Amino acid sequence: MQLPQHHKPSKPSAATCCSSWIRRSPPPSPPHKKPGGGGGIGRSRYACRLVPLLVLTVYSVFTVLRIPSSNLVVTTADSERVERREDLEALKTHLPSNQNSLEARQETRSVASLPCSAFINGEAGYGEEGVLCCDRSHYRSDVCYLRGDVRTDPSTSSVLLYNAPRGSSSPEKVRPYTRKFEPSIMSTIDEVTIHPVAGPYNASASAGDGGTLRRRCDVRHPRGVPAVVFSTGGYTGNVYHEFSDGLIPLFVTAQRFAGEVVFVVLEYHYWWVGRYGAVLERLTNYKVVDFRYDRRVHCFDEMIVGLRIHGELVVDPKLMPNGKSIKDFQALLHQGYSRASSSSSSSASPPVPLPLAPPSRPCPRPAKPKLLIFIRKQNRVLLNLPHVVTACRRAGFAPHVMNLRRQTPLPVIHAALASADAMVAVHGAAVTHFLFMRPGSVLLQIVPVGLDWAADAFYGKPAQQLGLEYLEYKVAPEESSLAAEYGLNSTVVRDPSVISSRGWWEMKKVYMDRQNVTVNIKRFGELLKAARTHLKNATACAKGSGSGAGVALR
């Protein structure tokens, strides 16, 4: 029987067969086709199928040989595990997988990725890995941090860090003083060189060996007890700088160690240690090391070279790892210099902030609150002091004149101010003693011509942060001795900014070193009345505390 024309098979060519196999599956054989028939056609069809399969097989084998099988297997398995882990973590936390991986990376930051300030402030934790970094970002001071095998070398004024981290081959140089912005004074500060030493320790190392022969430790300090290296040179000798550039930055840097820290001092002064020993004893449990003259090699596992500073007589709680403030520093001063507490009891109890003024008097306040007048002898002298004392009495105060000398013991000054209600002083270093006054007391600063900014920045703002009532008496041009020297209408008297624009030293020479003052008693009496009114309202049994607001009277 003859098949219909459209079912009649035709004999395809080899090229047609191959191209048809690639584009689509070959048509099935007719069901009536006999097995023995069309042998040539079948062989040609199988050949068309085998040729591309053979090509694909050769390509696959070649690709596998080029890629290591171990890498291929690990990559595949790891990718499957990572996908499953990300899905599970996302399911557990209800957060996208990529966000989880970001958080994990942040929690496992390497030591190298942490800022140096994190180590200096104790925010990076403690580990075994060696660390050497320096924070030179602050305009007041450079501070370096070392962790590992740290050893002093006083003969070369240097510090050695063995097994230093990679990339720390260059030495670091630091002048550990907090007036970096004054090159003239910084040039007088001893420089410390930090030498990173790479290579493993070899006790039998000699010249030419691969190991490192380390300096023998004469004093091995306990593990976990770091060193803080700083200088008492520079302006040390001026009470303002001793606190602002030294003691307060030392508190900022070392307070977090709770006494478990060793102070290594450059330009060591015995009188300084004696004068401020009561403060040092509450910051360290160990003897102070004289870096220059103690020839022994001291060994530590951690060291900070330099001091952190927040500003002029400032402890910024936002920058402290434990939120401490200037009031905590004042509490430390009170505990150190208070005559009432014995050395045994003070060492056992933590510093307690001072209560509001008055110090220890019952209500109501006495009729005449105690007022201390600090006087100067060489410059910025209060020329009409007797009239000022009389004005204080008329305002209802019991005035006491304080003529301080360098040898005046700090406990004596502390005892006088801690029991005082008000303090009067012409702008100068002695105003620093307001740190001994109780919150709610009054600080009245007499500000000579040309010193407005310095008076407010150095003493006014810090006093208010401590909780004192701050008052200013700004000297008028005719009340300054500069009017007689240069003329009342001279630029020096009428426009101090002209002199100040020439630099600090020029301003200091004119307005600080060559000026005395004679206050107007009537204007000064108005400030005394304001101070008296404040003290009447700020009694110990009052519900409110001192506002600490500043008042200026021109």
Protein backbone atom coordinates (compact mmCIF):
# COMPACT_ATOMS: atom_id res chain seq x y z
CA MET A 1 0.00 0.00 0.00
CA GLN A 2 1.35 3.39 -0.89
CA LEU A 3 1.74 5.86 1.94
CA PRO A 4 0.33 9.34 1.74
CA GLN A 5 2.73 11.87 0.39
CA HIS A 6 3.17 13.76 3.69
CA HIS A 7 4.16 10.59 5.60
CA LYS A 8 6.69 9.47 3.07
CA PRO A 9 10.20 9.65 4.63
CA SER A 10 12.96 11.34 2.77
CA LYS A 11 16.66 10.61 3.06
CA PRO A 12 18.40 13.44 4.86
CA SER A 13 21.99 14.45 4.27
CA ALA A 14 24.65 14.29 7.00
CA ALA A 15 24.79 18.07 7.39
CA THR A 16 21.05 18.30 7.65
CA CYS A 17 21.05 15.57 10.28
CA CYS A 18 23.64 17.24 12.47
CA SER A 19 22.09 20.65 12.38
CA SER A 20 18.66 19.20 13.12
CA TRP A 21 20.01 17.35 16.20
CA ILE A 22 21.44 20.53 17.65
CA ARG A 23 18.32 22.59 17.07
CA ARG A 24 15.70 20.04 18.12
CA SER A 25 15.23 16.37 18.99
CA PRO A 26 15.19 14.02 15.94
CA PRO A 27 11.75 12.79 14.84
CA PRO A 28 10.84 9.29 15.97
CA SER A 29 11.10 6.42 13.50
CA PRO A 30 7.86 5.45 11.80
CA PRO A 31 6.21 2.61 13.65
CA HIS A 32 5.91 0.47 10.50
CA LYS A 33 9.65 0.75 9.67
CA LYS A 34 11.32 -2.61 9.56
CA PRO A 35 14.40 -3.12 11.69
CA GLY A 36 16.56 -4.29 8.94
CA GLY A 37 15.76 -1.52 6.56
CA GLY A 38 17.62 1.81 6.14
CA GLY A 39 20.94 0.75 7.82
CA GLY A 40 22.88 3.61 6.26
CA ILE A 41 20.39 6.11 7.51
CA GLY A 42 20.64 4.77 11.15
CA ARG A 43 24.42 4.83 11.18
CA SER A 44 24.43 8.37 9.90
CA ARG A 45 21.94 9.42 12.63
CA TYR A 46 24.06 7.82 15.42
CA ALA A 47 27.19 9.48 14.07
CA CYS A 48 25.47 12.84 14.21
CA ARG A 49 24.65 12.26 17.87
CA LEU A 50 28.07 10.97 18.90
CA VAL A 51 30.11 13.78 17.35
CA PRO A 52 28.77 16.62 19.55
CA LEU A 53 28.74 14.38 22.64
CA LEU A 54 32.37 13.56 22.07
CA VAL A 55 33.21 17.25 21.71
CA LEU A 56 31.40 18.11 24.98
CA THR A 57 33.15 15.26 26.80
CA VAL A 58 36.61 16.40 25.69
CA TYR A 59 35.82 20.01 26.73
CA SER A 60 34.61 18.90 30.17
CA VAL A 61 37.72 16.78 30.82
CA PHE A 62 39.97 19.65 29.76
CA THR A 63 38.17 22.09 32.11
CA VAL A 64 38.40 19.73 35.09
CA LEU A 65 42.12 19.24 34.53
CA ARG A 66 42.72 22.98 34.55
CA ILE A 67 40.91 23.57 37.94
CA PRO A 68 42.32 21.71 40.98
CA SER A 69 39.79 19.22 42.12
CA SER A 70 40.33 20.00 45.80
CA ASN A 71 39.50 23.66 45.28
CA LEU A 72 36.50 22.78 43.28
CA VAL A 73 35.16 20.46 45.94
CA VAL A 74 35.85 22.85 48.87
CA THR A 75 34.35 25.83 47.10
CA THR A 76 31.19 23.98 46.29
CA ALA A 77 30.76 22.57 49.77
CA ASP A 78 31.63 25.85 51.48
CA SER A 79 29.22 27.78 49.33
CA GLU A 80 26.43 25.36 50.22
CA ARG A 81 27.27 25.61 53.92
CA VAL A 82 27.48 29.41 53.79
CA GLU A 83 24.11 29.60 52.05
CA ARG A 84 22.51 27.32 54.63
CA ARG A 85 24.13 29.23 57.55
CA GLU A 86 23.02 32.62 56.20
CA ASP A 87 19.51 31.35 55.72
CA LEU A 88 19.42 29.94 59.26
CA GLU A 89 20.80 33.14 60.80
CA ALA A 90 18.31 35.22 58.88
CA LEU A 91 15.53 32.96 60.08
CA LYS A 92 16.68 33.21 63.70
CA THR A 93 17.16 36.97 63.89
CA HIS A 94 14.55 38.05 61.36
CA LEU A 95 17.24 40.14 59.69
CA PRO A 96 18.55 39.87 56.12
CA SER A 97 21.56 37.59 55.74
CA ASN A 98 23.80 40.33 54.38
CA GLN A 99 23.08 42.51 57.44
CA ASN A 100 24.01 39.66 59.77
CA SER A 101 27.32 39.17 58.01
CA LEU A 102 28.01 42.91 58.30
CA GLU A 103 27.43 42.86 62.06
CA ALA A 104 29.70 39.84 62.44
CA ARG A 105 32.49 41.59 60.59
CA GLN A 106 32.16 44.61 62.88
CA GLU A 107 32.39 42.47 66.01
CA THR A 108 35.52 40.66 64.83
CA ARG A 109 37.56 43.69 63.74
CA SER A 110 41.27 43.01 63.69
CA VAL A 111 43.75 44.86 65.88
CA ALA A 112 45.11 46.68 62.84
CA SER A 113 41.69 48.12 62.00
CA LEU A 114 41.14 49.72 65.44
CA PRO A 115 42.04 53.39 65.97
CA CYS A 116 44.92 54.09 68.32
CA SER A 117 42.62 56.04 70.63
CA ALA A 118 40.70 52.81 71.32
CA PHE A 119 43.84 51.29 72.88
CA ILE A 120 44.80 54.45 74.77
CA ASN A 121 41.30 54.77 76.26
CA GLY A 122 41.06 51.04 77.08
CA GLU A 123 38.20 50.43 74.63
CA ALA A 124 40.03 47.78 72.58
CA GLY A 125 40.35 45.23 75.38
CA TYR A 126 43.51 43.29 76.13
CA GLY A 127 45.06 40.65 73.91
CA GLU A 128 48.31 38.82 73.30
CA GLU A 129 49.01 40.41 69.93
CA GLY A 130 51.71 43.07 69.87
CA VAL A 131 50.59 46.64 69.25
CA LEU A 132 52.45 49.86 68.47
CA CYS A 133 50.50 52.93 67.41
CA CYS A 134 50.56 56.69 67.91
CA ASP A 135 47.69 59.15 67.96
CA ARG A 136 48.97 62.51 66.70
CA SER A 137 45.58 63.95 65.81
CA HIS A 138 45.22 66.29 68.83
CA TYR A 139 46.71 69.76 68.66
CA ARG A 140 47.74 69.61 72.33
CA SER A 141 49.59 66.29 72.61
CA ASP A 142 50.91 63.18 70.87
CA VAL A 143 50.21 59.86 72.60
CA CYS A 144 51.68 56.46 71.71
CA TYR A 145 50.50 53.02 72.86
CA LEU A 146 52.64 49.87 73.17
CA ARG A 147 51.61 46.33 74.02
CA GLY A 148 53.91 43.32 74.16
CA ASP A 149 57.40 42.97 75.60
CA VAL A 150 58.16 46.60 76.52
CA ARG A 151 61.52 47.52 78.07
CA THR A 152 63.00 50.89 79.01
CA ASP A 153 66.49 51.97 78.01
CA PRO A 154 67.28 55.10 80.08
CA SER A 155 70.82 55.31 78.71
CA THR A 156 69.42 56.33 75.31
CA SER A 157 66.11 57.83 76.51
CA SER A 158 64.26 55.15 74.57
CA VAL A 159 61.75 52.34 74.91
CA LEU A 160 62.11 48.97 73.17
CA LEU A 161 59.17 46.88 71.96
CA TYR A 162 60.23 43.33 71.14
CA ASN A 163 58.26 41.11 68.73
CA ALA A 164 56.76 44.28 67.30
CA PRO A 165 53.87 43.90 64.84
CA ARG A 166 54.66 43.76 61.15
CA GLY A 167 55.00 47.11 59.49
CA SER A 168 56.34 48.74 62.69
CA SER A 169 59.96 48.97 61.64
CA SER A 170 60.38 52.74 61.94
CA PRO A 171 60.99 54.29 65.39
CA GLU A 172 58.45 56.70 66.87
CA LYS A 173 59.53 59.88 68.64
CA VAL A 174 57.37 61.56 71.28
CA ARG A 175 57.76 64.54 73.59
CA PRO A 176 55.27 63.59 76.33
CA TYR A 177 53.99 67.05 77.25
CA THR A 178 50.61 68.65 76.57
CA ARG A 179 51.60 71.90 74.86
CA LYS A 180 52.35 70.55 71.40
CA PHE A 181 51.14 73.83 69.85
CA GLU A 182 54.06 75.74 71.44
CA PRO A 183 57.25 74.70 69.61
CA SER A 184 59.41 76.93 71.81
CA ILE A 185 58.40 75.16 75.02
CA MET A 186 58.23 71.70 73.42
CA SER A 187 61.86 72.03 72.33
CA THR A 188 62.82 71.99 76.03
CA ILE A 189 60.99 68.69 76.70
CA ASP A 190 63.00 65.45 76.68
CA GLU A 191 62.18 63.25 73.69
CA VAL A 192 61.39 59.53 74.02
CA THR A 193 62.25 57.24 71.10
CA ILE A 194 60.23 54.05 70.71
CA HIS A 195 62.16 51.32 68.88
CA PRO A 196 60.14 48.38 67.49
CA VAL A 197 62.32 45.26 67.43
CA ALA A 198 61.22 42.42 65.16
CA GLY A 199 62.30 38.81 65.35
CA PRO A 200 61.86 35.95 67.85
CA TYR A 201 63.65 35.87 71.17
CA ASN A 202 66.86 33.83 71.30
CA ALA A 203 68.58 33.59 74.68
CA SER A 204 71.84 32.47 73.06
CA ALA A 205 71.73 34.99 70.24
CA SER A 206 74.95 36.68 69.26
CA ALA A 207 76.16 38.94 66.51
CA GLY A 208 75.13 37.53 63.15
CA ASP A 209 72.45 35.21 64.57
CA GLY A 210 68.89 35.43 63.35
CA GLY A 211 67.45 35.81 66.84
CA THR A 212 67.20 38.93 68.97
CA LEU A 213 69.19 39.36 72.16
CA ARG A 214 66.99 41.36 74.52
CA ARG A 215 68.05 43.67 77.30
CA ARG A 216 67.85 41.93 80.66
CA CYS A 217 64.98 43.07 82.89
CA ASP A 218 66.14 44.57 86.16
CA VAL A 219 62.59 45.27 87.31
CA ARG A 220 59.77 43.10 85.99
CA HIS A 221 56.45 44.83 86.71
CA PRO A 222 53.35 42.67 87.27
CA ARG A 223 51.35 41.57 84.28
CA GLY A 224 48.40 43.87 83.68
CA VAL A 225 50.13 46.87 85.31
CA PRO A 226 50.97 49.30 82.50
CA ALA A 227 53.28 52.31 82.51
CA VAL A 228 52.30 55.90 81.74
CA VAL A 229 55.23 58.04 80.61
CA PHE A 230 55.02 61.84 80.89
CA SER A 231 57.14 64.92 81.52
CA THR A 232 57.08 67.40 84.40
CA GLY A 233 59.17 69.92 82.50
CA GLY A 234 57.86 72.86 80.50
CA TYR A 235 55.80 75.29 82.57
CA THR A 236 55.98 73.15 85.70
CA GLY A 237 56.47 75.58 88.57
CA ASN A 238 53.36 77.56 87.65
CA VAL A 239 50.40 76.20 89.59
CA TYR A 240 47.98 76.71 86.70
CA HIS A 241 50.14 74.69 84.31
CA GLU A 242 50.86 72.07 86.94
CA PHE A 243 47.13 71.33 87.03
CA SER A 244 46.04 72.12 83.47
CA ASP A 245 49.02 70.61 81.62
CA GLY A 246 49.94 67.89 84.11
CA LEU A 247 47.70 66.63 86.89
CA ILE A 248 44.34 66.81 85.10
CA PRO A 249 45.67 65.15 81.90
CA LEU A 250 47.28 62.52 84.13
CA PHE A 251 43.88 61.92 85.74
CA VAL A 252 42.24 61.70 82.30
CA THR A 253 44.81 59.16 81.09
CA ALA A 254 45.42 57.00 84.17
CA GLN A 255 42.23 57.11 86.23
CA ARG A 256 40.74 54.08 84.47
CA PHE A 257 43.51 51.83 85.83
CA ALA A 258 42.27 52.30 89.42
CA GLY A 259 45.79 52.59 90.82
CA GLU A 260 47.25 49.60 88.94
CA VAL A 261 49.61 51.72 86.87
CA VAL A 262 53.23 52.87 87.15
CA PHE A 263 54.17 56.50 86.44
CA VAL A 264 57.46 56.95 84.57
CA VAL A 265 58.45 60.63 84.76
CA LEU A 266 60.86 62.57 82.57
CA GLU A 267 62.50 65.64 84.11
CA TYR A 268 61.63 64.32 87.55
CA HIS A 269 61.46 66.93 90.35
CA TYR A 270 61.50 65.82 93.97
CA TRP A 271 59.62 68.93 95.05
CA TRP A 272 56.86 68.15 92.51
CA VAL A 273 56.43 64.61 93.82
CA GLY A 274 56.37 65.96 97.38
CA ARG A 275 53.89 68.74 96.63
CA TYR A 276 51.46 66.55 94.72
CA GLY A 277 52.14 63.25 96.43
CA ALA A 278 48.62 63.22 97.91
CA VAL A 279 47.20 63.26 94.36
CA LEU A 280 49.67 60.74 92.94
CA GLU A 281 48.99 58.28 95.74
CA ARG A 282 45.34 58.12 94.67
CA LEU A 283 46.21 57.49 91.03
CA THR A 284 48.94 54.86 91.44
CA ASN A 285 49.72 52.11 93.93
CA TYR A 286 53.40 52.06 92.92
CA LYS A 287 56.49 54.20 93.36
CA VAL A 288 57.09 56.84 90.70
CA VAL A 289 60.00 55.95 88.37
CA ASP A 290 62.57 58.63 87.48
CA PHE A 291 63.18 57.82 83.81
CA ARG A 292 66.42 59.82 83.50
CA TYR A 293 68.29 58.74 86.63
CA ASP A 294 66.88 55.28 87.33
CA ARG A 295 69.36 53.32 85.23
CA ARG A 296 67.56 50.01 85.66
CA VAL A 297 65.69 48.36 82.80
CA HIS A 298 61.97 48.32 83.66
CA CYS A 299 59.84 45.77 81.82
CA PHE A 300 56.10 46.08 81.17
CA ASP A 301 53.53 44.38 79.00
CA GLU A 302 51.75 47.66 78.22
CA MET A 303 52.76 51.32 78.05
CA ILE A 304 51.27 54.72 77.20
CA VAL A 305 53.73 57.47 76.26
CA GLY A 306 52.13 60.91 76.61
CA LEU A 307 48.96 62.22 78.22
CA ARG A 308 45.44 62.79 76.97
CA ILE A 309 44.06 66.31 77.46
CA HIS A 310 40.51 67.63 76.98
CA GLY A 311 41.14 71.37 77.42
CA GLU A 312 41.95 74.01 80.02
CA LEU A 313 41.21 72.57 83.49
CA VAL A 314 38.61 70.30 81.87
CA VAL A 315 37.59 66.65 82.23
CA ASP A 316 34.99 65.97 79.53
CA PRO A 317 32.69 63.10 80.62
CA LYS A 318 31.83 62.37 76.96
CA LEU A 319 35.48 61.61 76.26
CA MET A 320 36.06 59.52 79.39
CA PRO A 321 35.50 55.76 79.06
CA ASN A 322 33.76 55.70 82.47
CA GLY A 323 32.03 59.09 82.31
CA LYS A 324 34.20 60.78 84.95
CA SER A 325 34.17 64.60 85.16
CA ILE A 326 36.04 67.48 86.77
CA LYS A 327 33.94 66.91 89.89
CA ASP A 328 35.55 63.48 90.27
CA PHE A 329 38.97 65.07 90.00
CA GLN A 330 37.98 67.58 92.66
CA ALA A 331 36.80 64.75 94.91
CA LEU A 332 40.24 63.18 94.55
CA LEU A 333 41.85 66.50 95.56
CA HIS A 334 39.56 66.80 98.55
CA GLN A 335 40.37 63.30 99.72
CA GLY A 336 44.09 63.85 99.27
CA TYR A 337 44.38 67.22 100.99
CA SER A 338 41.64 67.05 103.57
CA ARG A 339 43.04 67.20 107.09
CA ALA A 340 39.96 65.54 108.54
CA SER A 341 40.52 62.13 106.90
CA SER A 342 43.43 59.99 108.00
CA SER A 343 45.68 58.31 105.48
CA SER A 344 44.33 54.88 106.34
CA SER A 345 40.69 55.75 106.00
CA SER A 346 41.20 57.79 102.82
CA SER A 347 43.00 54.95 101.11
CA ALA A 348 40.21 52.55 101.92
CA SER A 349 37.32 54.71 100.72
CA PRO A 350 36.76 56.04 97.18
CA PRO A 351 36.70 59.80 96.53
CA VAL A 352 33.32 61.38 97.24
CA PRO A 353 32.29 64.62 95.46
CA LEU A 354 32.05 67.65 97.73
CA PRO A 355 28.61 68.71 98.93
CA LEU A 356 27.13 72.06 98.02
CA ALA A 357 28.28 75.12 99.94
CA PRO A 358 28.36 75.83 102.83
CA PRO A 359 30.89 73.11 103.75
CA SER A 360 29.70 71.92 107.13
CA ARG A 361 27.55 74.64 108.65
CA PRO A 362 23.98 74.09 109.82
CA CYS A 363 21.17 76.32 108.54
CA PRO A 364 20.74 79.21 108.76
CA ARG A 365 24.02 80.58 107.36
CA PRO A 366 26.11 82.81 109.62
CA ALA A 367 25.73 86.54 109.22
CA LYS A 368 29.13 86.98 107.59
CA PRO A 369 30.20 84.35 105.06
CA LYS A 370 33.93 83.77 104.65
CA LEU A 371 35.61 85.46 101.67
CA LEU A 372 39.26 84.95 100.65
CA ILE A 373 41.17 87.62 98.69
CA PHE A 374 44.23 86.27 96.82
CA ILE A 375 46.79 89.00 96.16
CA ARG A 376 49.70 89.32 93.72
CA LYS A 377 53.05 91.05 94.33
CA GLN A 378 54.86 91.50 90.98
CA ASN A 379 52.25 92.27 88.31
CA ARG A 380 48.49 92.59 88.04
CA VAL A 381 48.65 93.96 91.56
CA LEU A 382 45.42 95.15 93.19
CA LEU A 383 46.60 98.67 94.04
CA ASN A 384 43.66 99.67 96.26
CA LEU A 385 43.52 96.47 98.29
CA PRO A 386 42.58 98.21 101.60
CA HIS A 387 39.51 99.75 99.97
CA VAL A 388 38.55 96.37 98.51
CA VAL A 389 38.76 94.76 101.96
CA THR A 390 36.55 97.52 103.39
CA ALA A 391 34.01 97.04 100.58
CA CYS A 392 33.85 93.31 101.33
CA ARG A 393 33.09 93.99 104.98
CA ARG A 394 30.37 96.47 104.06
CA ALA A 395 28.79 93.89 101.77
CA GLY A 396 28.45 91.52 104.72
CA PHE A 397 31.51 89.28 104.21
CA ALA A 398 34.28 88.29 106.58
CA PRO A 399 37.32 88.93 104.32
CA HIS A 400 40.68 87.17 104.70
CA VAL A 401 43.73 88.17 102.64
CA MET A 402 45.73 85.22 101.21
CA ASN A 403 49.38 86.04 100.47
CA LEU A 404 50.56 82.78 98.95
CA ARG A 405 54.21 81.80 98.60
CA ARG A 406 55.71 78.91 96.68
CA GLN A 407 56.37 77.13 99.96
CA THR A 408 52.76 77.41 101.18
CA PRO A 409 51.59 73.80 101.63
CA LEU A 410 48.67 72.79 99.48
CA PRO A 411 46.78 71.27 102.43
CA VAL A 412 46.77 74.76 104.03
CA ILE A 413 45.35 76.35 100.88
CA HIS A 414 42.83 73.54 100.51
CA ALA A 415 41.64 73.88 104.10
CA ALA A 416 41.13 77.64 103.67
CA LEU A 417 39.18 77.38 100.41
CA ALA A 418 37.17 74.27 101.26
CA SER A 419 35.64 76.18 104.16
CA ALA A 420 35.22 79.47 102.26
CA ASP A 421 32.06 80.83 100.68
CA ALA A 422 33.70 83.17 98.15
CA MET A 423 37.05 83.89 96.52
CA VAL A 424 38.30 87.16 94.95
CA ALA A 425 41.43 87.28 92.77
CA VAL A 426 42.94 89.21 89.89
CA HIS A 427 43.43 87.01 86.82
CA GLY A 428 46.49 84.82 87.32
CA ALA A 429 47.72 81.37 88.27
CA ALA A 430 46.39 81.60 91.84
CA VAL A 431 42.81 81.52 90.51
CA THR A 432 43.49 77.81 89.79
CA HIS A 433 42.86 77.13 93.47
CA PHE A 434 39.12 77.46 92.83
CA LEU A 435 39.39 73.69 92.29
CA PHE A 436 39.41 73.42 96.10
CA MET A 437 36.10 75.29 96.49
CA ARG A 438 32.78 73.59 97.06
CA PRO A 439 30.04 73.72 94.42
CA GLY A 440 27.71 76.63 95.07
CA SER A 441 30.51 78.90 96.30
CA VAL A 442 31.36 82.15 94.49
CA LEU A 443 34.41 82.88 92.35
CA LEU A 444 34.85 86.61 91.61
CA GLN A 445 37.63 87.21 89.09
CA ILE A 446 39.01 90.70 88.42
CA VAL A 447 39.86 90.81 84.70
CA PRO A 448 42.51 93.35 83.60
CA VAL A 449 42.38 95.08 80.21
CA GLY A 450 43.17 92.77 77.30
CA LEU A 451 42.64 89.51 79.21
CA ASP A 452 38.93 88.92 78.67
CA TRP A 453 39.32 85.77 76.58
CA ALA A 454 41.99 84.20 78.78
CA ALA A 455 40.01 84.89 81.96
CA ASP A 456 36.89 83.21 80.62
CA ALA A 457 38.58 80.25 78.89
CA PHE A 458 41.11 79.41 81.62
CA TYR A 459 38.96 79.99 84.72
CA GLY A 460 35.41 81.17 84.00
CA LYS A 461 34.09 78.20 82.04
CA PRO A 462 35.93 75.56 84.15
CA ALA A 463 34.56 77.14 87.36
CA GLN A 464 31.00 76.96 86.04
CA GLN A 465 31.49 73.31 85.06
CA LEU A 466 32.50 72.66 88.65
CA GLY A 467 29.24 74.20 89.86
CA LEU A 468 30.58 77.51 91.15
CA GLU A 469 28.80 80.84 90.81
CA TYR A 470 31.18 82.75 88.55
CA LEU A 471 31.32 86.58 88.59
CA GLU A 472 33.60 88.88 86.59
CA TYR A 473 34.78 92.40 87.29
CA LYS A 474 36.15 93.76 84.01
CA VAL A 475 38.67 96.53 84.57
CA ALA A 476 37.85 99.75 82.72
CA PRO A 477 40.60 101.49 80.66
CA GLU A 478 40.99 104.27 83.23
CA GLU A 479 41.40 101.67 86.02
CA SER A 480 44.44 100.08 84.36
CA SER A 481 48.02 101.24 84.89
CA LEU A 482 48.44 100.95 81.11
CA ALA A 483 46.42 104.18 80.71
CA ALA A 484 49.12 106.12 82.51
CA GLU A 485 51.91 104.42 80.58
CA TYR A 486 50.49 104.48 77.04
CA GLY A 487 47.69 107.05 77.30
CA LEU A 488 43.98 106.56 77.92
CA ASN A 489 43.11 106.77 74.22
CA SER A 490 46.01 104.69 72.98
CA THR A 491 45.49 101.56 70.90
CA VAL A 492 47.01 99.45 73.69
CA VAL A 493 44.23 100.48 76.07
CA ARG A 494 41.28 100.98 73.73
CA ASP A 495 41.83 98.11 71.27
CA PRO A 496 43.78 95.22 72.86
CA SER A 497 43.01 93.01 69.85
CA VAL A 498 45.72 94.86 67.89
CA ILE A 499 48.39 93.72 70.35
CA SER A 500 46.87 90.27 70.77
CA SER A 501 46.98 89.70 66.99
CA ARG A 502 50.78 89.82 67.21
CA GLY A 503 50.84 86.59 69.22
CA TRP A 504 50.66 85.26 72.75
CA TRP A 505 54.08 86.45 73.84
CA GLU A 506 53.44 90.03 72.75
CA MET A 507 50.09 90.02 74.53
CA LYS A 508 51.66 88.53 77.65
CA LYS A 509 54.44 91.12 77.70
CA VAL A 510 51.99 94.03 77.68
CA TYR A 511 48.81 92.92 79.42
CA MET A 512 50.09 90.31 81.86
CA ASP A 513 53.58 91.46 82.79
CA ARG A 514 53.22 95.27 82.80
CA GLN A 515 49.71 95.92 84.11
CA ASN A 516 48.33 96.68 87.57
CA VAL A 517 44.72 97.57 88.44
CA THR A 518 42.72 99.93 90.67
CA VAL A 519 39.08 98.81 90.82
CA ASN A 520 36.15 101.19 91.11
CA ILE A 521 34.82 100.48 94.59
CA LYS A 522 31.24 101.43 93.72
CA ARG A 523 31.09 99.04 90.74
CA PHE A 524 32.96 96.36 92.67
CA GLY A 525 30.48 96.72 95.55
CA GLU A 526 27.60 95.89 93.19
CA LEU A 527 29.24 92.55 92.37
CA LEU A 528 29.77 91.85 96.05
CA LYS A 529 26.07 92.41 96.65
CA ALA A 530 25.23 89.97 93.84
CA ALA A 531 27.56 87.40 95.42
CA ARG A 532 25.97 87.95 98.83
CA THR A 533 22.48 87.51 97.40
CA HIS A 534 23.51 84.27 95.72
CA LEU A 535 24.92 82.86 98.94
CA LYS A 536 21.76 83.74 100.85
CA ASN A 537 19.72 81.76 98.33
CA ALA A 538 22.16 78.84 98.04
CA THR A 539 22.10 77.53 101.61
CA ALA A 540 22.86 73.97 102.53
CA CYS A 541 19.23 73.33 103.46
CA ALA A 542 17.84 74.95 100.31
CA LYS A 543 16.12 72.69 97.81
CA GLY A 544 18.01 74.08 94.81
CA SER A 545 21.74 74.12 94.14
CA GLY A 546 24.02 76.81 92.74
CA SER A 547 23.28 77.56 89.12
CA GLY A 548 26.89 78.12 88.19
CA ALA A 549 25.86 80.95 85.86
CA GLY A 550 28.39 83.65 85.12
CA VAL A 551 27.79 87.36 85.73
CA ALA A 552 29.95 90.14 84.27
CA LEU A 553 30.02 93.72 85.50
CA ARG A 554 31.68 96.37 83.37
